[in-house]
Amino acid sequence: MFDDIPVDVGLVHAGERIRKNDLYVELGGPEITEKFELVKVRAPELVYDGAITIIGPDISDMVPQKKYPLGILIE
């Protein structure tokens, strides 16, 4: 699991904090008023299993150390 992510992920890191200076960007943090998560139940024929749509800039195109709004919609 997570073999394609170039960082260690696991229970050994549970409880550790990520410091502000270690962030590349901050998505929907406490100072950002525009953030949400919404889960909608849809009829199966209206859902494309495994489909992911990203709207907005790619993380690599964002300005380092900047804060950005974040919205997550799951259907």
C-alpha atoms as a PDB file:
ATOM      1  CA  MET A   1       0.000   0.000   0.000  1.00  0.00           C
ATOM      2  CA  PHE A   2       1.268   3.493  -0.888  1.00  0.00           C
ATOM      3  CA  ASP A   3       4.277   2.056  -2.734  1.00  0.00           C
ATOM      4  CA  ASP A   4       4.090   4.885  -5.277  1.00  0.00           C
ATOM      5  CA  ILE A   5       4.338   7.649  -2.638  1.00  0.00           C
ATOM      6  CA  PRO A   6       7.958   8.611  -1.846  1.00  0.00           C
ATOM      7  CA  VAL A   7       7.401   8.912   1.933  1.00  0.00           C
ATOM      8  CA  ASP A   8       6.907   6.438   4.757  1.00  0.00           C
ATOM      9  CA  VAL A   9       3.257   5.853   5.689  1.00  0.00           C
ATOM     10  CA  GLY A  10       2.176   3.666   8.577  1.00  0.00           C
ATOM     11  CA  LEU A  11       1.151   3.280  12.205  1.00  0.00           C
ATOM     12  CA  VAL A  12       4.716   3.929  13.319  1.00  0.00           C
ATOM     13  CA  HIS A  13       4.086   7.597  12.434  1.00  0.00           C
ATOM     14  CA  ALA A  14       0.715   7.859  14.238  1.00  0.00           C
ATOM     15  CA  GLY A  15       0.483  10.981  16.365  1.00  0.00           C
ATOM     16  CA  GLU A  16       3.348  12.782  14.647  1.00  0.00           C
ATOM     17  CA  ARG A  17       2.772  16.382  13.626  1.00  0.00           C
ATOM     18  CA  ILE A  18       3.643  17.988  10.336  1.00  0.00           C
ATOM     19  CA  ARG A  19       5.176  21.382  10.992  1.00  0.00           C
ATOM     20  CA  LYS A  20       4.224  24.423   8.915  1.00  0.00           C
ATOM     21  CA  ASN A  21       7.743  24.782   7.489  1.00  0.00           C
ATOM     22  CA  ASP A  22       7.558  21.162   6.257  1.00  0.00           C
ATOM     23  CA  LEU A  23       4.421  21.817   4.149  1.00  0.00           C
ATOM     24  CA  TYR A  24       4.662  22.488   0.432  1.00  0.00           C
ATOM     25  CA  VAL A  25       1.195  24.119   0.412  1.00  0.00           C
ATOM     26  CA  GLU A  26      -1.712  24.192   2.861  1.00  0.00           C
ATOM     27  CA  LEU A  27      -5.105  23.036   1.556  1.00  0.00           C
ATOM     28  CA  GLY A  28      -8.181  24.230   3.445  1.00  0.00           C
ATOM     29  CA  GLY A  29      -6.371  25.039   6.687  1.00  0.00           C
ATOM     30  CA  PRO A  30      -7.779  26.903   9.700  1.00  0.00           C
ATOM     31  CA  GLU A  31      -7.199  30.339   8.144  1.00  0.00           C
ATOM     32  CA  ILE A  32      -9.090  29.435   4.929  1.00  0.00           C
ATOM     33  CA  THR A  33     -12.846  30.080   5.033  1.00  0.00           C
ATOM     34  CA  GLU A  34     -13.567  28.346   1.711  1.00  0.00           C
ATOM     35  CA  LYS A  35     -13.378  24.602   2.436  1.00  0.00           C
ATOM     36  CA  PHE A  36     -15.830  21.715   2.453  1.00  0.00           C
ATOM     37  CA  GLU A  37     -16.344  17.977   2.169  1.00  0.00           C
ATOM     38  CA  LEU A  38     -19.631  16.661   0.770  1.00  0.00           C
ATOM     39  CA  VAL A  39     -20.677  13.040   0.225  1.00  0.00           C
ATOM     40  CA  LYS A  40     -23.697  12.380  -2.024  1.00  0.00           C
ATOM     41  CA  VAL A  41     -25.496   9.089  -2.555  1.00  0.00           C
ATOM     42  CA  ARG A  42     -26.221   8.505  -6.240  1.00  0.00           C
ATOM     43  CA  ALA A  43     -27.997   5.775  -8.186  1.00  0.00           C
ATOM     44  CA  PRO A  44     -25.390   3.211  -9.310  1.00  0.00           C
ATOM     45  CA  GLU A  45     -25.925   3.997 -13.004  1.00  0.00           C
ATOM     46  CA  LEU A  46     -24.926   7.633 -12.347  1.00  0.00           C
ATOM     47  CA  VAL A  47     -21.596   6.722 -10.726  1.00  0.00           C
ATOM     48  CA  TYR A  48     -18.375   6.061 -12.639  1.00  0.00           C
ATOM     49  CA  ASP A  49     -16.465   3.709 -10.323  1.00  0.00           C
ATOM     50  CA  GLY A  50     -12.887   4.826  -9.783  1.00  0.00           C
ATOM     51  CA  ALA A  51     -13.303   8.124 -11.650  1.00  0.00           C
ATOM     52  CA  ILE A  52     -11.480  11.109 -10.177  1.00  0.00           C
ATOM     53  CA  THR A  53     -11.929  14.665 -11.455  1.00  0.00           C
ATOM     54  CA  ILE A  54      -9.604  17.412 -10.267  1.00  0.00           C
ATOM     55  CA  ILE A  55     -10.625  21.026 -10.819  1.00  0.00           C
ATOM     56  CA  GLY A  56      -7.966  23.652 -10.267  1.00  0.00           C
ATOM     57  CA  PRO A  57      -4.195  23.798 -10.432  1.00  0.00           C
ATOM     58  CA  ASP A  58      -1.939  20.797  -9.994  1.00  0.00           C
ATOM     59  CA  ILE A  59      -0.001  20.855  -6.717  1.00  0.00           C
ATOM     60  CA  SER A  60       3.250  21.245  -8.641  1.00  0.00           C
ATOM     61  CA  ASP A  61       1.842  24.464 -10.168  1.00  0.00           C
ATOM     62  CA  MET A  62       0.942  25.996  -6.789  1.00  0.00           C
ATOM     63  CA  VAL A  63       3.105  28.593  -5.056  1.00  0.00           C
ATOM     64  CA  PRO A  64       5.096  26.976  -2.213  1.00  0.00           C
ATOM     65  CA  GLN A  65       4.098  27.952   1.360  1.00  0.00           C
ATOM     66  CA  LYS A  66       0.785  29.471   0.170  1.00  0.00           C
ATOM     67  CA  LYS A  67      -2.657  28.577   1.554  1.00  0.00           C
ATOM     68  CA  TYR A  68      -5.396  27.410  -0.844  1.00  0.00           C
ATOM     69  CA  PRO A  69      -9.137  26.703  -0.490  1.00  0.00           C
ATOM     70  CA  LEU A  70     -10.201  23.060  -0.821  1.00  0.00           C
ATOM     71  CA  GLY A  71     -13.453  21.331  -1.712  1.00  0.00           C
ATOM     72  CA  ILE A  72     -13.979  17.556  -1.804  1.00  0.00           C
ATOM     73  CA  LEU A  73     -17.106  16.064  -3.406  1.00  0.00           C
ATOM     74  CA  ILE A  74     -17.597  12.298  -3.213  1.00  0.00           C
ATOM     75  CA  GLU A  75     -20.425  10.599  -5.088  1.00  0.00           C
END
